[in-house]
């Protein structure tokens, strides 16, 4: 234990571990070194019971404060393994009282967000208010706030018991639409008045920002037969196409703009989108001038397409050797164009 503070996460399974080591570890280490944190990522389950195996590993964040590698730290910052830090992010623990859990107010109830969710995913569980959000889960509907548990500032001596209470008391509700441990953990922390709200830039959800600010970049509303064979084939073919369209390029710029407007950017399961971040861009108004972002996608056929997106003046997209594509666009955006 080098420092009194630690950033802790869990990356279980090859896909998540490879992604964390490739994108998160070097990114997090820079933030940790700058702000005096140790860095700990558990690569194996903390609970190997049959009960644990039947629910998402996300629940096991509730067990980290009892681990030998963690319990002696004064402050522990839990961070989901699908989050990237911006170089400009300050120390998240500053100003957070040791007996409080630092977290952001969940942005999923902002005006207009749920209306767009209802239109894009008509079969989604309706969560128009925090009370409905908890009631749908089977919790009392007597709480008007909710937190996103992807980033939390914790203290082992104060918060171990409540986290383990949530782990022991509640069960997995279903798929990702139920957000794993988030609803019961949010409810229990808020009802005990343990939450100190953080600057929302410490946990900016990519999915929420896209729906609120860039809905035109999202797929159209799913048709009634979206689970049919033809729809599945169409989605598969679309994923296999190596050509990057102007709309896809615009989305890459949007993702980088969101990143530059964040302290911590939360990809919310969209871990493939981490490859879109260009760390050489230092401010949002320079996003459209990003020189090169490499994207590696493993296709179902076992092939790897390396896509280079070059933002330069010149010609239309043209192929280059080795399944590499250069996308050249004459457009420039930003105040200094």
C-alpha atoms as a PDB file:
ATOM      1  CA  UNK A   1       0.000   0.000   0.000  1.00  0.00           C
ATOM      2  CA  UNK A   2       1.809   3.080  -1.305  1.00  0.00           C
ATOM      3  CA  UNK A   3      -0.943   5.677  -0.839  1.00  0.00           C
ATOM      4  CA  UNK A   4      -3.905   6.224   1.485  1.00  0.00           C
ATOM      5  CA  UNK A   5      -6.329   6.230  -1.455  1.00  0.00           C
ATOM      6  CA  UNK A   6      -7.072   3.591  -4.069  1.00  0.00           C
ATOM      7  CA  UNK A   7      -9.057   3.291  -7.271  1.00  0.00           C
ATOM      8  CA  UNK A   8     -10.680  -0.151  -7.357  1.00  0.00           C
ATOM      9  CA  UNK A   9     -12.494  -2.060 -10.072  1.00  0.00           C
ATOM     10  CA  UNK A  10     -13.396  -5.564 -11.215  1.00  0.00           C
ATOM     11  CA  UNK A  11     -12.813  -6.905 -14.736  1.00  0.00           C
ATOM     12  CA  UNK A  12     -13.988 -10.506 -14.923  1.00  0.00           C
ATOM     13  CA  UNK A  13     -14.052 -12.418 -18.199  1.00  0.00           C
ATOM     14  CA  UNK A  14     -11.674 -12.240 -21.152  1.00  0.00           C
ATOM     15  CA  UNK A  15     -13.541  -9.523 -23.037  1.00  0.00           C
ATOM     16  CA  UNK A  16     -13.753  -7.149 -20.096  1.00  0.00           C
ATOM     17  CA  UNK A  17     -10.226  -7.849 -18.857  1.00  0.00           C
ATOM     18  CA  UNK A  18      -8.632  -7.363 -22.282  1.00  0.00           C
ATOM     19  CA  UNK A  19     -10.596  -4.153 -22.735  1.00  0.00           C
ATOM     20  CA  UNK A  20      -9.632  -2.869 -19.288  1.00  0.00           C
ATOM     21  CA  UNK A  21      -5.940  -3.580 -19.811  1.00  0.00           C
ATOM     22  CA  UNK A  22      -5.939  -2.031 -23.267  1.00  0.00           C
ATOM     23  CA  UNK A  23      -7.920   1.161 -22.674  1.00  0.00           C
ATOM     24  CA  UNK A  24      -8.480   1.690 -18.956  1.00  0.00           C
ATOM     25  CA  UNK A  25      -5.292   0.639 -17.189  1.00  0.00           C
ATOM     26  CA  UNK A  26      -2.941   3.110 -18.895  1.00  0.00           C
ATOM     27  CA  UNK A  27      -5.589   5.824 -18.748  1.00  0.00           C
ATOM     28  CA  UNK A  28      -6.362   5.228 -15.061  1.00  0.00           C
ATOM     29  CA  UNK A  29      -2.707   4.930 -14.093  1.00  0.00           C
ATOM     30  CA  UNK A  30      -2.007   8.430 -15.327  1.00  0.00           C
ATOM     31  CA  UNK A  31      -4.868   9.800 -13.222  1.00  0.00           C
ATOM     32  CA  UNK A  32      -3.820   7.701 -10.213  1.00  0.00           C
ATOM     33  CA  UNK A  33      -0.195   8.839 -10.343  1.00  0.00           C
ATOM     34  CA  UNK A  34      -1.198  12.487 -10.686  1.00  0.00           C
ATOM     35  CA  UNK A  35      -3.633  12.406  -7.761  1.00  0.00           C
ATOM     36  CA  UNK A  36      -1.945   9.985  -5.327  1.00  0.00           C
ATOM     37  CA  UNK A  37      -4.010   6.819  -5.778  1.00  0.00           C
ATOM     38  CA  UNK A  38      -3.024   3.184  -5.844  1.00  0.00           C
ATOM     39  CA  UNK A  39      -4.713   1.168  -8.586  1.00  0.00           C
ATOM     40  CA  UNK A  40      -6.380  -2.203  -7.943  1.00  0.00           C
ATOM     41  CA  UNK A  41      -8.350  -4.293 -10.420  1.00  0.00           C
ATOM     42  CA  UNK A  42      -9.692  -7.673  -9.364  1.00  0.00           C
ATOM     43  CA  UNK A  43      -9.531 -10.166 -12.211  1.00  0.00           C
ATOM     44  CA  UNK A  44     -11.184 -13.062 -10.414  1.00  0.00           C
ATOM     45  CA  UNK A  45     -14.566 -13.250  -8.637  1.00  0.00           C
ATOM     46  CA  UNK A  46     -14.614 -12.208  -4.994  1.00  0.00           C
ATOM     47  CA  UNK A  47     -17.461 -14.647  -4.376  1.00  0.00           C
ATOM     48  CA  UNK A  48     -17.409 -18.080  -6.035  1.00  0.00           C
ATOM     49  CA  UNK A  49     -20.692 -19.311  -4.599  1.00  0.00           C
ATOM     50  CA  UNK A  50     -23.486 -20.717  -6.743  1.00  0.00           C
ATOM     51  CA  UNK A  51     -25.582 -17.651  -5.910  1.00  0.00           C
ATOM     52  CA  UNK A  52     -22.846 -15.346  -7.176  1.00  0.00           C
ATOM     53  CA  UNK A  53     -22.454 -17.296 -10.402  1.00  0.00           C
ATOM     54  CA  UNK A  54     -26.113 -16.718 -11.241  1.00  0.00           C
ATOM     55  CA  UNK A  55     -25.920 -12.953 -11.207  1.00  0.00           C
ATOM     56  CA  UNK A  56     -23.793 -10.247 -12.750  1.00  0.00           C
ATOM     57  CA  UNK A  57     -20.253  -9.703 -11.424  1.00  0.00           C
ATOM     58  CA  UNK A  58     -21.304  -6.051 -10.996  1.00  0.00           C
ATOM     59  CA  UNK A  59     -22.839  -7.049  -7.656  1.00  0.00           C
ATOM     60  CA  UNK A  60     -19.396  -7.857  -6.324  1.00  0.00           C
ATOM     61  CA  UNK A  61     -18.461  -4.205  -6.075  1.00  0.00           C
ATOM     62  CA  UNK A  62     -20.363  -4.487  -2.792  1.00  0.00           C
ATOM     63  CA  UNK A  63     -17.628  -6.829  -1.494  1.00  0.00           C
ATOM     64  CA  UNK A  64     -14.496  -4.836  -2.263  1.00  0.00           C
ATOM     65  CA  UNK A  65     -14.204  -3.041   1.084  1.00  0.00           C
ATOM     66  CA  UNK A  66     -13.646  -6.319   2.946  1.00  0.00           C
ATOM     67  CA  UNK A  67     -10.805  -7.508   0.723  1.00  0.00           C
ATOM     68  CA  UNK A  68      -7.297  -7.662   2.190  1.00  0.00           C
ATOM     69  CA  UNK A  69      -5.949  -5.541  -0.640  1.00  0.00           C
ATOM     70  CA  UNK A  70      -8.484  -2.772   0.024  1.00  0.00           C
ATOM     71  CA  UNK A  71      -9.656  -2.686   3.635  1.00  0.00           C
ATOM     72  CA  UNK A  72      -6.806  -0.558   5.042  1.00  0.00           C
ATOM     73  CA  UNK A  73      -7.230   2.404   2.700  1.00  0.00           C
ATOM     74  CA  UNK A  74      -8.755   5.584   4.064  1.00  0.00           C
ATOM     75  CA  UNK A  75     -10.575   6.316   0.800  1.00  0.00           C
ATOM     76  CA  UNK A  76     -11.588   3.931  -1.968  1.00  0.00           C
ATOM     77  CA  UNK A  77     -12.938   5.094  -5.302  1.00  0.00           C
ATOM     78  CA  UNK A  78     -14.979   2.405  -6.989  1.00  0.00           C
ATOM     79  CA  UNK A  79     -14.972   2.763 -10.794  1.00  0.00           C
ATOM     80  CA  UNK A  80     -16.762   0.450 -13.236  1.00  0.00           C
ATOM     81  CA  UNK A  81     -14.381  -1.113 -15.737  1.00  0.00           C
ATOM     82  CA  UNK A  82     -16.062   0.627 -18.694  1.00  0.00           C
ATOM     83  CA  UNK A  83     -15.032   4.162 -17.730  1.00  0.00           C
ATOM     84  CA  UNK A  84     -12.236   6.413 -18.993  1.00  0.00           C
ATOM     85  CA  UNK A  85     -10.732   9.422 -17.229  1.00  0.00           C
ATOM     86  CA  UNK A  86     -10.069  12.776 -18.839  1.00  0.00           C
ATOM     87  CA  UNK A  87      -6.596  14.222 -18.265  1.00  0.00           C
ATOM     88  CA  UNK A  88      -8.172  17.357 -16.823  1.00  0.00           C
ATOM     89  CA  UNK A  89     -10.099  15.466 -14.111  1.00  0.00           C
ATOM     90  CA  UNK A  90      -9.313  16.641 -10.564  1.00  0.00           C
ATOM     91  CA  UNK A  91      -9.086  14.459  -7.458  1.00  0.00           C
ATOM     92  CA  UNK A  92     -12.612  13.099  -6.984  1.00  0.00           C
ATOM     93  CA  UNK A  93     -12.198  12.645  -3.228  1.00  0.00           C
ATOM     94  CA  UNK A  94     -11.594  16.318  -2.448  1.00  0.00           C
ATOM     95  CA  UNK A  95     -14.424  17.726  -0.345  1.00  0.00           C
ATOM     96  CA  UNK A  96     -16.190  14.393   0.205  1.00  0.00           C
ATOM     97  CA  UNK A  97     -16.783  13.698   3.900  1.00  0.00           C
ATOM     98  CA  UNK A  98     -15.371  10.360   5.013  1.00  0.00           C
ATOM     99  CA  UNK A  99     -18.723   9.147   6.349  1.00  0.00           C
ATOM    100  CA  UNK A 100     -20.475   9.938   3.063  1.00  0.00           C
ATOM    101  CA  UNK A 101     -20.576   8.084  -0.243  1.00  0.00           C
ATOM    102  CA  UNK A 102     -19.655  10.406  -3.076  1.00  0.00           C
ATOM    103  CA  UNK A 103     -21.774   9.734  -6.180  1.00  0.00           C
ATOM    104  CA  UNK A 104     -23.564  11.616  -8.926  1.00  0.00           C
ATOM    105  CA  UNK A 105     -27.278  12.156  -9.244  1.00  0.00           C
ATOM    106  CA  UNK A 106     -28.466   9.731 -11.918  1.00  0.00           C
ATOM    107  CA  UNK A 107     -29.200  11.656 -15.102  1.00  0.00           C
ATOM    108  CA  UNK A 108     -31.782   9.198 -16.405  1.00  0.00           C
ATOM    109  CA  UNK A 109     -34.758  11.297 -15.304  1.00  0.00           C
ATOM    110  CA  UNK A 110     -33.937  14.568 -17.032  1.00  0.00           C
ATOM    111  CA  UNK A 111     -36.613  16.217 -19.125  1.00  0.00           C
ATOM    112  CA  UNK A 112     -37.076  14.649 -22.529  1.00  0.00           C
ATOM    113  CA  UNK A 113     -34.820  11.658 -21.880  1.00  0.00           C
ATOM    114  CA  UNK A 114     -37.525   9.142 -21.038  1.00  0.00           C
ATOM    115  CA  UNK A 115     -39.724  10.288 -23.938  1.00  0.00           C
ATOM    116  CA  UNK A 116     -36.935   9.463 -26.340  1.00  0.00           C
ATOM    117  CA  UNK A 117     -36.267   6.152 -24.607  1.00  0.00           C
ATOM    118  CA  UNK A 118     -39.938   5.257 -24.970  1.00  0.00           C
ATOM    119  CA  UNK A 119     -39.793   6.026 -28.676  1.00  0.00           C
ATOM    120  CA  UNK A 120     -36.508   4.257 -29.376  1.00  0.00           C
ATOM    121  CA  UNK A 121     -37.254   1.205 -27.243  1.00  0.00           C
ATOM    122  CA  UNK A 122     -41.033   0.864 -26.853  1.00  0.00           C
ATOM    123  CA  UNK A 123     -40.678  -2.371 -24.843  1.00  0.00           C
ATOM    124  CA  UNK A 124     -38.282  -0.843 -22.289  1.00  0.00           C
ATOM    125  CA  UNK A 125     -39.267  -0.771 -18.629  1.00  0.00           C
ATOM    126  CA  UNK A 126     -40.794   2.681 -17.942  1.00  0.00           C
ATOM    127  CA  UNK A 127     -38.801   4.643 -15.367  1.00  0.00           C
ATOM    128  CA  UNK A 128     -40.051   8.192 -15.666  1.00  0.00           C
ATOM    129  CA  UNK A 129     -39.374   9.144 -12.045  1.00  0.00           C
ATOM    130  CA  UNK A 130     -37.127   7.811  -9.280  1.00  0.00           C
ATOM    131  CA  UNK A 131     -40.211   6.581  -7.414  1.00  0.00           C
ATOM    132  CA  UNK A 132     -41.311   4.536 -10.438  1.00  0.00           C
ATOM    133  CA  UNK A 133     -37.711   3.376 -10.904  1.00  0.00           C
ATOM    134  CA  UNK A 134     -37.666   1.858  -7.414  1.00  0.00           C
ATOM    135  CA  UNK A 135     -41.266   0.624  -7.478  1.00  0.00           C
ATOM    136  CA  UNK A 136     -40.666  -1.366 -10.672  1.00  0.00           C
ATOM    137  CA  UNK A 137     -37.869  -3.195  -8.905  1.00  0.00           C
ATOM    138  CA  UNK A 138     -40.086  -4.055  -5.954  1.00  0.00           C
ATOM    139  CA  UNK A 139     -38.641  -1.430  -3.616  1.00  0.00           C
ATOM    140  CA  UNK A 140     -40.699   1.142  -1.706  1.00  0.00           C
ATOM    141  CA  UNK A 141     -41.492   4.182  -3.843  1.00  0.00           C
ATOM    142  CA  UNK A 142     -40.610   6.710  -1.158  1.00  0.00           C
ATOM    143  CA  UNK A 143     -37.365   8.113  -2.554  1.00  0.00           C
ATOM    144  CA  UNK A 144     -37.115  11.009  -5.014  1.00  0.00           C
ATOM    145  CA  UNK A 145     -33.433  10.664  -5.895  1.00  0.00           C
ATOM    146  CA  UNK A 146     -31.229   8.005  -7.427  1.00  0.00           C
ATOM    147  CA  UNK A 147     -27.498   7.633  -7.949  1.00  0.00           C
ATOM    148  CA  UNK A 148     -25.376   5.961 -10.560  1.00  0.00           C
ATOM    149  CA  UNK A 149     -23.228   3.401  -8.745  1.00  0.00           C
ATOM    150  CA  UNK A 150     -20.625   3.159 -11.508  1.00  0.00           C
ATOM    151  CA  UNK A 151     -18.467   5.684  -9.621  1.00  0.00           C
ATOM    152  CA  UNK A 152     -18.489   5.948  -5.828  1.00  0.00           C
ATOM    153  CA  UNK A 153     -16.164   7.510  -3.280  1.00  0.00           C
ATOM    154  CA  UNK A 154     -16.138   5.153  -0.281  1.00  0.00           C
ATOM    155  CA  UNK A 155     -14.479   4.668   3.092  1.00  0.00           C
ATOM    156  CA  UNK A 156     -14.010   1.052   4.269  1.00  0.00           C
ATOM    157  CA  UNK A 157     -14.521   1.925   7.927  1.00  0.00           C
ATOM    158  CA  UNK A 158     -17.884   3.576   7.232  1.00  0.00           C
ATOM    159  CA  UNK A 159     -19.402   1.822   4.238  1.00  0.00           C
ATOM    160  CA  UNK A 160     -18.400  -1.838   4.276  1.00  0.00           C
ATOM    161  CA  UNK A 161     -21.447  -2.938   6.259  1.00  0.00           C
ATOM    162  CA  UNK A 162     -24.057  -1.218   4.115  1.00  0.00           C
ATOM    163  CA  UNK A 163     -22.545  -2.478   0.861  1.00  0.00           C
ATOM    164  CA  UNK A 164     -22.450  -6.033   2.155  1.00  0.00           C
ATOM    165  CA  UNK A 165     -26.015  -5.672   3.446  1.00  0.00           C
ATOM    166  CA  UNK A 166     -27.156  -4.885  -0.107  1.00  0.00           C
ATOM    167  CA  UNK A 167     -25.177  -7.813  -1.481  1.00  0.00           C
ATOM    168  CA  UNK A 168     -26.642 -10.261   1.039  1.00  0.00           C
ATOM    169  CA  UNK A 169     -30.225  -8.970   0.985  1.00  0.00           C
ATOM    170  CA  UNK A 170     -31.120  -8.428  -2.671  1.00  0.00           C
ATOM    171  CA  UNK A 171     -31.198 -10.737  -5.666  1.00  0.00           C
ATOM    172  CA  UNK A 172     -30.639 -10.317  -9.383  1.00  0.00           C
ATOM    173  CA  UNK A 173     -33.858  -9.082 -10.974  1.00  0.00           C
ATOM    174  CA  UNK A 174     -33.150  -9.947 -14.578  1.00  0.00           C
ATOM    175  CA  UNK A 175     -31.077  -8.628 -17.481  1.00  0.00           C
ATOM    176  CA  UNK A 176     -29.107  -5.397 -17.891  1.00  0.00           C
ATOM    177  CA  UNK A 177     -32.336  -3.399 -18.111  1.00  0.00           C
ATOM    178  CA  UNK A 178     -32.654  -3.813 -14.325  1.00  0.00           C
ATOM    179  CA  UNK A 179     -29.139  -2.335 -13.828  1.00  0.00           C
ATOM    180  CA  UNK A 180     -27.929  -5.159 -11.615  1.00  0.00           C
ATOM    181  CA  UNK A 181     -27.140  -3.846  -8.111  1.00  0.00           C
ATOM    182  CA  UNK A 182     -27.732  -0.180  -8.848  1.00  0.00           C
ATOM    183  CA  UNK A 183     -31.367   0.219  -7.802  1.00  0.00           C
ATOM    184  CA  UNK A 184     -31.173  -1.452  -4.374  1.00  0.00           C
ATOM    185  CA  UNK A 185     -27.761   0.058  -3.612  1.00  0.00           C
ATOM    186  CA  UNK A 186     -28.947   3.527  -4.606  1.00  0.00           C
ATOM    187  CA  UNK A 187     -32.092   3.138  -2.521  1.00  0.00           C
ATOM    188  CA  UNK A 188     -30.313   1.918   0.607  1.00  0.00           C
ATOM    189  CA  UNK A 189     -27.623   4.612   0.505  1.00  0.00           C
ATOM    190  CA  UNK A 190     -30.079   7.436  -0.072  1.00  0.00           C
ATOM    191  CA  UNK A 191     -32.575   6.313   2.561  1.00  0.00           C
ATOM    192  CA  UNK A 192     -29.760   6.260   5.110  1.00  0.00           C
ATOM    193  CA  UNK A 193     -28.706   9.781   4.088  1.00  0.00           C
ATOM    194  CA  UNK A 194     -25.222   8.528   3.214  1.00  0.00           C
ATOM    195  CA  UNK A 195     -24.850  10.208  -0.186  1.00  0.00           C
ATOM    196  CA  UNK A 196     -22.912  13.373  -0.939  1.00  0.00           C
ATOM    197  CA  UNK A 197     -23.596  14.369  -4.531  1.00  0.00           C
ATOM    198  CA  UNK A 198     -20.604  14.985  -6.774  1.00  0.00           C
ATOM    199  CA  UNK A 199     -20.052  17.162  -9.808  1.00  0.00           C
ATOM    200  CA  UNK A 200     -21.940  15.265 -12.557  1.00  0.00           C
ATOM    201  CA  UNK A 201     -18.857  15.394 -14.780  1.00  0.00           C
ATOM    202  CA  UNK A 202     -17.406  12.605 -12.628  1.00  0.00           C
ATOM    203  CA  UNK A 203     -19.758  10.064 -14.207  1.00  0.00           C
ATOM    204  CA  UNK A 204     -21.043  11.100 -17.630  1.00  0.00           C
ATOM    205  CA  UNK A 205     -23.069   8.326 -19.261  1.00  0.00           C
ATOM    206  CA  UNK A 206     -22.435   8.003 -22.979  1.00  0.00           C
ATOM    207  CA  UNK A 207     -25.862   6.471 -23.608  1.00  0.00           C
ATOM    208  CA  UNK A 208     -27.713   9.302 -21.848  1.00  0.00           C
ATOM    209  CA  UNK A 209     -25.714  12.005 -23.634  1.00  0.00           C
ATOM    210  CA  UNK A 210     -26.386  10.364 -27.001  1.00  0.00           C
ATOM    211  CA  UNK A 211     -30.107  10.110 -26.376  1.00  0.00           C
ATOM    212  CA  UNK A 212     -30.427  13.679 -25.075  1.00  0.00           C
ATOM    213  CA  UNK A 213     -28.054  15.512 -27.423  1.00  0.00           C
ATOM    214  CA  UNK A 214     -27.365  13.222 -30.404  1.00  0.00           C
ATOM    215  CA  UNK A 215     -30.520  11.134 -30.969  1.00  0.00           C
ATOM    216  CA  UNK A 216     -30.047  11.359 -34.751  1.00  0.00           C
ATOM    217  CA  UNK A 217     -26.927   9.185 -34.398  1.00  0.00           C
ATOM    218  CA  UNK A 218     -28.832   6.305 -32.801  1.00  0.00           C
ATOM    219  CA  UNK A 219     -30.475   3.425 -34.683  1.00  0.00           C
ATOM    220  CA  UNK A 220     -34.141   4.029 -35.598  1.00  0.00           C
ATOM    221  CA  UNK A 221     -36.862   2.640 -33.315  1.00  0.00           C
ATOM    222  CA  UNK A 222     -36.910  -1.138 -33.371  1.00  0.00           C
ATOM    223  CA  UNK A 223     -39.683  -2.621 -35.559  1.00  0.00           C
ATOM    224  CA  UNK A 224     -42.071  -5.156 -34.039  1.00  0.00           C
ATOM    225  CA  UNK A 225     -40.143  -8.045 -35.636  1.00  0.00           C
ATOM    226  CA  UNK A 226     -36.746  -6.781 -34.460  1.00  0.00           C
ATOM    227  CA  UNK A 227     -35.971 -10.171 -32.961  1.00  0.00           C
ATOM    228  CA  UNK A 228     -36.800 -12.055 -36.153  1.00  0.00           C
ATOM    229  CA  UNK A 229     -34.299 -13.864 -38.343  1.00  0.00           C
ATOM    230  CA  UNK A 230     -34.148 -11.167 -41.048  1.00  0.00           C
ATOM    231  CA  UNK A 231     -33.580  -8.420 -38.492  1.00  0.00           C
ATOM    232  CA  UNK A 232     -30.758 -10.394 -36.877  1.00  0.00           C
ATOM    233  CA  UNK A 233     -29.114 -10.982 -40.249  1.00  0.00           C
ATOM    234  CA  UNK A 234     -29.378  -7.282 -41.087  1.00  0.00           C
ATOM    235  CA  UNK A 235     -27.701  -6.298 -37.818  1.00  0.00           C
ATOM    236  CA  UNK A 236     -24.946  -8.852 -38.347  1.00  0.00           C
ATOM    237  CA  UNK A 237     -24.221  -7.649 -41.878  1.00  0.00           C
ATOM    238  CA  UNK A 238     -24.179  -4.016 -40.745  1.00  0.00           C
ATOM    239  CA  UNK A 239     -21.563  -4.820 -38.104  1.00  0.00           C
ATOM    240  CA  UNK A 240     -19.348  -6.602 -40.617  1.00  0.00           C
ATOM    241  CA  UNK A 241     -19.151  -3.709 -43.062  1.00  0.00           C
ATOM    242  CA  UNK A 242     -15.635  -2.192 -42.921  1.00  0.00           C
ATOM    243  CA  UNK A 243     -16.573   1.111 -44.578  1.00  0.00           C
ATOM    244  CA  UNK A 244     -17.010   4.017 -42.174  1.00  0.00           C
ATOM    245  CA  UNK A 245     -19.817   6.300 -43.293  1.00  0.00           C
ATOM    246  CA  UNK A 246     -19.965  10.076 -42.723  1.00  0.00           C
ATOM    247  CA  UNK A 247     -22.634   9.461 -40.087  1.00  0.00           C
ATOM    248  CA  UNK A 248     -20.326   7.066 -38.263  1.00  0.00           C
ATOM    249  CA  UNK A 249     -17.545   9.638 -38.456  1.00  0.00           C
ATOM    250  CA  UNK A 250     -19.888  12.226 -36.974  1.00  0.00           C
ATOM    251  CA  UNK A 251     -20.658   9.817 -34.150  1.00  0.00           C
ATOM    252  CA  UNK A 252     -16.931   9.401 -33.435  1.00  0.00           C
ATOM    253  CA  UNK A 253     -16.648  13.163 -33.189  1.00  0.00           C
ATOM    254  CA  UNK A 254     -19.696  13.259 -30.904  1.00  0.00           C
ATOM    255  CA  UNK A 255     -18.231  10.583 -28.616  1.00  0.00           C
ATOM    256  CA  UNK A 256     -14.967  12.514 -28.365  1.00  0.00           C
ATOM    257  CA  UNK A 257     -16.843  15.745 -27.695  1.00  0.00           C
ATOM    258  CA  UNK A 258     -18.700  14.081 -24.817  1.00  0.00           C
ATOM    259  CA  UNK A 259     -15.384  12.758 -23.499  1.00  0.00           C
ATOM    260  CA  UNK A 260     -13.796  16.195 -23.599  1.00  0.00           C
ATOM    261  CA  UNK A 261     -16.770  17.605 -21.665  1.00  0.00           C
ATOM    262  CA  UNK A 262     -16.388  14.986 -18.918  1.00  0.00           C
ATOM    263  CA  UNK A 263     -14.094  14.191 -16.027  1.00  0.00           C
ATOM    264  CA  UNK A 264     -15.018  10.482 -16.097  1.00  0.00           C
ATOM    265  CA  UNK A 265     -16.835   9.114 -19.144  1.00  0.00           C
ATOM    266  CA  UNK A 266     -18.966   6.033 -18.544  1.00  0.00           C
ATOM    267  CA  UNK A 267     -19.497   3.828 -21.605  1.00  0.00           C
ATOM    268  CA  UNK A 268     -22.248   1.829 -19.865  1.00  0.00           C
ATOM    269  CA  UNK A 269     -21.507  -1.533 -21.458  1.00  0.00           C
ATOM    270  CA  UNK A 270     -20.587  -0.034 -24.856  1.00  0.00           C
ATOM    271  CA  UNK A 271     -16.988  -1.045 -24.331  1.00  0.00           C
ATOM    272  CA  UNK A 272     -16.225  -1.245 -28.055  1.00  0.00           C
ATOM    273  CA  UNK A 273     -16.745   2.523 -28.196  1.00  0.00           C
ATOM    274  CA  UNK A 274     -13.698   3.058 -25.997  1.00  0.00           C
ATOM    275  CA  UNK A 275     -11.644   2.559 -29.158  1.00  0.00           C
ATOM    276  CA  UNK A 276     -13.167   5.738 -30.559  1.00  0.00           C
ATOM    277  CA  UNK A 277     -11.502   7.977 -27.985  1.00  0.00           C
ATOM    278  CA  UNK A 278      -8.548   9.921 -29.323  1.00  0.00           C
ATOM    279  CA  UNK A 279      -6.301  10.781 -26.353  1.00  0.00           C
ATOM    280  CA  UNK A 280      -4.307  13.286 -28.415  1.00  0.00           C
ATOM    281  CA  UNK A 281      -7.272  15.655 -28.509  1.00  0.00           C
ATOM    282  CA  UNK A 282      -6.998  18.078 -25.610  1.00  0.00           C
ATOM    283  CA  UNK A 283     -10.217  20.078 -25.944  1.00  0.00           C
ATOM    284  CA  UNK A 284     -13.695  19.645 -27.358  1.00  0.00           C
ATOM    285  CA  UNK A 285     -13.277  22.286 -30.061  1.00  0.00           C
ATOM    286  CA  UNK A 286     -10.381  20.323 -31.580  1.00  0.00           C
ATOM    287  CA  UNK A 287     -12.279  17.060 -31.839  1.00  0.00           C
ATOM    288  CA  UNK A 288     -13.017  17.448 -35.545  1.00  0.00           C
ATOM    289  CA  UNK A 289      -9.285  17.825 -36.208  1.00  0.00           C
ATOM    290  CA  UNK A 290      -8.324  14.532 -34.609  1.00  0.00           C
ATOM    291  CA  UNK A 291      -5.651  13.072 -36.845  1.00  0.00           C
ATOM    292  CA  UNK A 292      -6.003   9.314 -36.447  1.00  0.00           C
ATOM    293  CA  UNK A 293      -8.068   6.936 -34.313  1.00  0.00           C
ATOM    294  CA  UNK A 294      -7.468   3.242 -34.691  1.00  0.00           C
ATOM    295  CA  UNK A 295     -10.404   0.913 -34.231  1.00  0.00           C
ATOM    296  CA  UNK A 296     -10.034  -2.831 -33.973  1.00  0.00           C
ATOM    297  CA  UNK A 297     -13.152  -4.954 -34.319  1.00  0.00           C
ATOM    298  CA  UNK A 298     -13.181  -8.742 -34.142  1.00  0.00           C
ATOM    299  CA  UNK A 299     -15.853 -10.045 -36.468  1.00  0.00           C
ATOM    300  CA  UNK A 300     -17.809 -13.261 -36.080  1.00  0.00           C
ATOM    301  CA  UNK A 301     -15.704 -14.762 -38.861  1.00  0.00           C
ATOM    302  CA  UNK A 302     -12.576 -14.302 -36.770  1.00  0.00           C
ATOM    303  CA  UNK A 303     -11.316 -11.430 -38.926  1.00  0.00           C
ATOM    304  CA  UNK A 304      -9.895  -8.210 -37.527  1.00  0.00           C
ATOM    305  CA  UNK A 305     -10.599  -4.966 -39.352  1.00  0.00           C
ATOM    306  CA  UNK A 306      -8.313  -2.055 -38.506  1.00  0.00           C
ATOM    307  CA  UNK A 307      -9.978   1.213 -39.422  1.00  0.00           C
ATOM    308  CA  UNK A 308      -8.089   4.465 -39.569  1.00  0.00           C
ATOM    309  CA  UNK A 309     -10.218   7.564 -39.487  1.00  0.00           C
ATOM    310  CA  UNK A 310      -8.158  10.462 -40.776  1.00  0.00           C
ATOM    311  CA  UNK A 311      -9.613  13.955 -40.476  1.00  0.00           C
ATOM    312  CA  UNK A 312      -7.777  15.754 -43.259  1.00  0.00           C
ATOM    313  CA  UNK A 313      -8.619  17.832 -46.301  1.00  0.00           C
ATOM    314  CA  UNK A 314      -8.856  15.838 -49.482  1.00  0.00           C
ATOM    315  CA  UNK A 315     -10.440  12.934 -51.247  1.00  0.00           C
ATOM    316  CA  UNK A 316     -13.347  10.615 -50.580  1.00  0.00           C
ATOM    317  CA  UNK A 317     -12.857   7.312 -48.691  1.00  0.00           C
ATOM    318  CA  UNK A 318     -10.556   4.886 -50.445  1.00  0.00           C
ATOM    319  CA  UNK A 319      -9.141   1.501 -49.397  1.00  0.00           C
ATOM    320  CA  UNK A 320      -5.519   0.961 -48.502  1.00  0.00           C
ATOM    321  CA  UNK A 321      -3.600  -2.303 -47.959  1.00  0.00           C
ATOM    322  CA  UNK A 322      -4.221  -4.576 -45.008  1.00  0.00           C
ATOM    323  CA  UNK A 323      -7.948  -3.958 -44.677  1.00  0.00           C
ATOM    324  CA  UNK A 324      -7.249  -0.386 -43.613  1.00  0.00           C
ATOM    325  CA  UNK A 325      -9.544   2.437 -44.675  1.00  0.00           C
ATOM    326  CA  UNK A 326      -8.727   6.144 -44.693  1.00  0.00           C
ATOM    327  CA  UNK A 327     -11.698   8.442 -44.316  1.00  0.00           C
ATOM    328  CA  UNK A 328     -10.866  11.897 -45.614  1.00  0.00           C
ATOM    329  CA  UNK A 329     -13.391  14.639 -45.196  1.00  0.00           C
ATOM    330  CA  UNK A 330     -13.164  18.258 -46.293  1.00  0.00           C
ATOM    331  CA  UNK A 331     -15.400  19.392 -43.457  1.00  0.00           C
ATOM    332  CA  UNK A 332     -14.044  21.263 -40.457  1.00  0.00           C
ATOM    333  CA  UNK A 333     -15.937  22.152 -37.321  1.00  0.00           C
ATOM    334  CA  UNK A 334     -15.146  24.295 -34.343  1.00  0.00           C
ATOM    335  CA  UNK A 335     -14.504  27.964 -33.626  1.00  0.00           C
ATOM    336  CA  UNK A 336     -10.929  27.895 -34.924  1.00  0.00           C
ATOM    337  CA  UNK A 337     -11.668  26.338 -38.328  1.00  0.00           C
END
